[in-house]
C-alpha atoms as a PDB file:
ATOM      1  CA  MET A   1       0.000   0.000   0.000  1.00  0.00           C
ATOM      2  CA  VAL A   2       1.223   3.464  -0.863  1.00  0.00           C
ATOM      3  CA  TRP A   3      -0.275   6.827   0.050  1.00  0.00           C
ATOM      4  CA  ASP A   4       1.027   9.666  -2.143  1.00  0.00           C
ATOM      5  CA  ARG A   5       0.466  13.234  -1.057  1.00  0.00           C
ATOM      6  CA  GLN A   6      -1.009  15.378  -3.806  1.00  0.00           C
ATOM      7  CA  THR A   7      -2.068  18.985  -4.037  1.00  0.00           C
ATOM      8  CA  LYS A   8      -5.193  20.091  -2.176  1.00  0.00           C
ATOM      9  CA  MET A   9      -4.338  17.720   0.669  1.00  0.00           C
ATOM     10  CA  GLU A  10      -5.764  14.731  -1.234  1.00  0.00           C
ATOM     11  CA  TYR A  11      -4.314  11.252  -1.252  1.00  0.00           C
ATOM     12  CA  GLU A  12      -3.970   8.784  -4.052  1.00  0.00           C
ATOM     13  CA  TRP A  13      -3.817   5.185  -2.942  1.00  0.00           C
ATOM     14  CA  LYS A  14      -2.012   2.582  -5.030  1.00  0.00           C
ATOM     15  CA  PRO A  15      -2.426  -1.153  -4.433  1.00  0.00           C
ATOM     16  CA  ASP A  16       0.306  -3.683  -3.948  1.00  0.00           C
ATOM     17  CA  GLU A  17       0.126  -5.808  -7.109  1.00  0.00           C
ATOM     18  CA  GLN A  18       0.432  -9.122  -5.266  1.00  0.00           C
ATOM     19  CA  GLY A  19      -2.324  -8.160  -2.814  1.00  0.00           C
ATOM     20  CA  LEU A  20      -4.521  -6.986  -5.675  1.00  0.00           C
ATOM     21  CA  GLN A  21      -4.092 -10.272  -7.534  1.00  0.00           C
ATOM     22  CA  GLN A  22      -4.906 -12.233  -4.370  1.00  0.00           C
ATOM     23  CA  ILE A  23      -8.140 -10.290  -3.864  1.00  0.00           C
ATOM     24  CA  LEU A  24      -9.108 -10.623  -7.540  1.00  0.00           C
ATOM     25  CA  GLN A  25      -8.582 -14.379  -7.325  1.00  0.00           C
ATOM     26  CA  LEU A  26     -10.802 -14.580  -4.231  1.00  0.00           C
ATOM     27  CA  LEU A  27     -13.508 -12.502  -5.918  1.00  0.00           C
ATOM     28  CA  LYS A  28     -13.482 -14.812  -8.931  1.00  0.00           C
ATOM     29  CA  GLU A  29     -13.482 -17.960  -6.779  1.00  0.00           C
ATOM     30  CA  SER A  30     -16.423 -16.638  -4.774  1.00  0.00           C
ATOM     31  CA  GLN A  31     -18.531 -16.785  -7.936  1.00  0.00           C
ATOM     32  CA  SER A  32     -18.083 -20.567  -8.088  1.00  0.00           C
ATOM     33  CA  PRO A  33     -21.255 -22.670  -7.864  1.00  0.00           C
ATOM     34  CA  ASP A  34     -19.431 -24.907  -5.341  1.00  0.00           C
ATOM     35  CA  THR A  35     -20.649 -23.928  -1.857  1.00  0.00           C
ATOM     36  CA  THR A  36     -17.516 -25.328  -0.218  1.00  0.00           C
ATOM     37  CA  ILE A  37     -15.365 -22.962  -2.265  1.00  0.00           C
ATOM     38  CA  GLN A  38     -17.760 -20.100  -1.504  1.00  0.00           C
ATOM     39  CA  ARG A  39     -17.486 -20.733   2.259  1.00  0.00           C
ATOM     40  CA  THR A  40     -13.692 -20.907   2.111  1.00  0.00           C
ATOM     41  CA  VAL A  41     -13.522 -17.667   0.142  1.00  0.00           C
ATOM     42  CA  GLN A  42     -15.960 -15.982   2.547  1.00  0.00           C
ATOM     43  CA  GLN A  43     -13.704 -16.888   5.488  1.00  0.00           C
ATOM     44  CA  LYS A  44     -10.647 -15.514   3.684  1.00  0.00           C
ATOM     45  CA  LEU A  45     -12.463 -12.287   2.806  1.00  0.00           C
ATOM     46  CA  GLU A  46     -13.540 -11.871   6.435  1.00  0.00           C
ATOM     47  CA  GLN A  47      -9.916 -12.327   7.531  1.00  0.00           C
ATOM     48  CA  LEU A  48      -8.853  -9.607   5.099  1.00  0.00           C
ATOM     49  CA  ASN A  49     -11.031  -7.141   7.022  1.00  0.00           C
ATOM     50  CA  GLN A  50      -8.248  -7.131   9.619  1.00  0.00           C
ATOM     51  CA  TYR A  51      -6.036  -5.228   7.169  1.00  0.00           C
ATOM     52  CA  PRO A  52      -6.568  -1.446   7.267  1.00  0.00           C
ATOM     53  CA  ASP A  53      -6.374  -1.010   3.488  1.00  0.00           C
ATOM     54  CA  PHE A  54      -8.583  -3.947   2.440  1.00  0.00           C
ATOM     55  CA  ASN A  55     -11.484  -1.613   1.632  1.00  0.00           C
ATOM     56  CA  ASN A  56      -9.167   0.461  -0.559  1.00  0.00           C
ATOM     57  CA  TYR A  57      -8.536  -2.647  -2.647  1.00  0.00           C
ATOM     58  CA  LEU A  58     -12.281  -3.233  -2.949  1.00  0.00           C
ATOM     59  CA  ILE A  59     -13.039   0.307  -4.139  1.00  0.00           C
ATOM     60  CA  PHE A  60     -10.035   0.107  -6.475  1.00  0.00           C
ATOM     61  CA  VAL A  61     -11.400  -3.063  -8.114  1.00  0.00           C
ATOM     62  CA  LEU A  62     -14.869  -1.526  -8.398  1.00  0.00           C
ATOM     63  CA  THR A  63     -13.837   1.822  -9.850  1.00  0.00           C
ATOM     64  CA  LYS A  64     -10.392   1.501 -11.435  1.00  0.00           C
ATOM     65  CA  LEU A  65     -10.177  -2.000 -12.925  1.00  0.00           C
ATOM     66  CA  LYS A  66     -12.436  -1.395 -15.883  1.00  0.00           C
ATOM     67  CA  SER A  67     -10.788  -4.280 -17.741  1.00  0.00           C
ATOM     68  CA  GLU A  68     -12.154  -6.742 -15.153  1.00  0.00           C
ATOM     69  CA  ASP A  69     -15.516  -8.386 -15.779  1.00  0.00           C
ATOM     70  CA  GLU A  70     -18.536  -6.560 -14.386  1.00  0.00           C
ATOM     71  CA  PRO A  71     -19.642  -9.324 -11.979  1.00  0.00           C
ATOM     72  CA  THR A  72     -16.211  -9.267 -10.285  1.00  0.00           C
ATOM     73  CA  ARG A  73     -16.179  -5.471 -10.069  1.00  0.00           C
ATOM     74  CA  SER A  74     -19.741  -5.387  -8.749  1.00  0.00           C
ATOM     75  CA  LEU A  75     -19.054  -8.117  -6.189  1.00  0.00           C
ATOM     76  CA  SER A  76     -16.113  -6.091  -4.937  1.00  0.00           C
ATOM     77  CA  GLY A  77     -18.439  -3.126  -4.450  1.00  0.00           C
ATOM     78  CA  LEU A  78     -21.088  -5.194  -2.690  1.00  0.00           C
ATOM     79  CA  ILE A  79     -18.504  -6.552  -0.254  1.00  0.00           C
ATOM     80  CA  LEU A  80     -17.337  -2.982   0.314  1.00  0.00           C
ATOM     81  CA  LYS A  81     -20.931  -1.846   0.925  1.00  0.00           C
ATOM     82  CA  ASN A  82     -21.359  -4.601   3.511  1.00  0.00           C
ATOM     83  CA  ASN A  83     -18.070  -3.611   5.147  1.00  0.00           C
ATOM     84  CA  VAL A  84     -19.250  -0.001   5.335  1.00  0.00           C
ATOM     85  CA  LYS A  85     -22.431  -1.199   7.060  1.00  0.00           C
ATOM     86  CA  ALA A  86     -20.605  -3.485   9.493  1.00  0.00           C
ATOM     87  CA  HIS A  87     -17.209  -1.878  10.118  1.00  0.00           C
ATOM     88  CA  PHE A  88     -17.460   1.817   9.214  1.00  0.00           C
ATOM     89  CA  GLN A  89     -16.509   2.982  12.703  1.00  0.00           C
ATOM     90  CA  ASN A  90     -13.229   1.036  12.428  1.00  0.00           C
ATOM     91  CA  PHE A  91     -12.101   2.468   9.084  1.00  0.00           C
ATOM     92  CA  PRO A  92      -8.699   4.211   9.322  1.00  0.00           C
ATOM     93  CA  ASN A  93      -8.433   7.929   8.586  1.00  0.00           C
ATOM     94  CA  GLY A  94      -8.526   8.620   4.874  1.00  0.00           C
ATOM     95  CA  VAL A  95     -10.265   5.395   3.851  1.00  0.00           C
ATOM     96  CA  THR A  96     -13.760   6.882   4.013  1.00  0.00           C
ATOM     97  CA  ASP A  97     -12.658   9.922   2.007  1.00  0.00           C
ATOM     98  CA  PHE A  98     -11.011   7.681  -0.586  1.00  0.00           C
ATOM     99  CA  ILE A  99     -14.147   5.537  -0.918  1.00  0.00           C
ATOM    100  CA  LYS A 100     -16.387   8.606  -1.107  1.00  0.00           C
ATOM    101  CA  SER A 101     -14.188  10.282  -3.715  1.00  0.00           C
ATOM    102  CA  GLU A 102     -13.961   7.169  -5.888  1.00  0.00           C
ATOM    103  CA  CYS A 103     -17.719   6.596  -5.710  1.00  0.00           C
ATOM    104  CA  LEU A 104     -18.502  10.183  -6.656  1.00  0.00           C
ATOM    105  CA  ASN A 105     -16.001  10.053  -9.529  1.00  0.00           C
ATOM    106  CA  ASN A 106     -17.535   6.830 -10.872  1.00  0.00           C
ATOM    107  CA  ILE A 107     -21.268   7.348 -10.357  1.00  0.00           C
ATOM    108  CA  GLY A 108     -21.520   7.782 -14.139  1.00  0.00           C
ATOM    109  CA  ASP A 109     -19.778   4.518 -15.101  1.00  0.00           C
ATOM    110  CA  SER A 110     -20.867   3.210 -18.501  1.00  0.00           C
ATOM    111  CA  SER A 111     -22.104  -0.046 -16.942  1.00  0.00           C
ATOM    112  CA  PRO A 112     -25.573   0.031 -15.338  1.00  0.00           C
ATOM    113  CA  LEU A 113     -24.473  -2.720 -12.919  1.00  0.00           C
ATOM    114  CA  ILE A 114     -21.425  -0.747 -11.772  1.00  0.00           C
ATOM    115  CA  ARG A 115     -23.439   2.491 -11.496  1.00  0.00           C
ATOM    116  CA  ALA A 116     -25.962   0.708  -9.284  1.00  0.00           C
ATOM    117  CA  THR A 117     -23.231  -0.803  -7.108  1.00  0.00           C
ATOM    118  CA  VAL A 118     -21.433   2.535  -6.777  1.00  0.00           C
ATOM    119  CA  GLY A 119     -24.743   4.171  -5.859  1.00  0.00           C
ATOM    120  CA  LEU A 120     -25.482   1.579  -3.167  1.00  0.00           C
ATOM    121  CA  THR A 121     -22.000   1.938  -1.727  1.00  0.00           C
ATOM    122  CA  LEU A 122     -22.284   5.721  -1.677  1.00  0.00           C
ATOM    123  CA  LEU A 123     -25.701   5.480  -0.015  1.00  0.00           C
ATOM    124  CA  HIS A 124     -24.285   3.363   2.807  1.00  0.00           C
ATOM    125  CA  VAL A 125     -21.289   5.666   3.230  1.00  0.00           C
ATOM    126  CA  SER A 126     -23.746   8.565   3.541  1.00  0.00           C
ATOM    127  CA  ILE A 127     -25.892   6.676   6.079  1.00  0.00           C
ATOM    128  CA  SER A 128     -22.799   5.754   8.096  1.00  0.00           C
ATOM    129  CA  LEU A 129     -21.520   9.331   8.064  1.00  0.00           C
ATOM    130  CA  SER A 130     -24.939  10.605   9.167  1.00  0.00           C
ATOM    131  CA  SER A 131     -24.953   8.158  12.072  1.00  0.00           C
ATOM    132  CA  VAL A 132     -21.864   9.897  13.482  1.00  0.00           C
ATOM    133  CA  GLY A 133     -23.110  13.406  12.727  1.00  0.00           C
ATOM    134  CA  LEU A 134     -21.166  13.987   9.505  1.00  0.00           C
ATOM    135  CA  LYS A 135     -22.314  14.733   5.961  1.00  0.00           C
ATOM    136  CA  LEU A 136     -21.330  13.312   2.618  1.00  0.00           C
END
């Protein structure tokens, strides 16, 4: 993980390639019809929530990896949405802003599926911010 300081006090996050490939593989495996594989992948994804930048990887897959198939990108966003609902209060500084910024920048994605996923994610970020007295 790398945080680069830019102008206007914004941050650009860049994924570790090995970590990104690992998460992409898990996302693809989770789409298997085999429930045993699905359970194993679910456990691994839950373990990844222990890493502070896991949600950055998820938003990166959803919004930046336009060469990936839509179901994988959308699944990444749905996992992120669920993480926002369940773990928002534990997100490190900067992660919420990064997610919010990426969602707002990609609300007009050419794919209806990705637009819907981005919209859902943004909705849950907004709800979570409101619950702690902040605004989107």
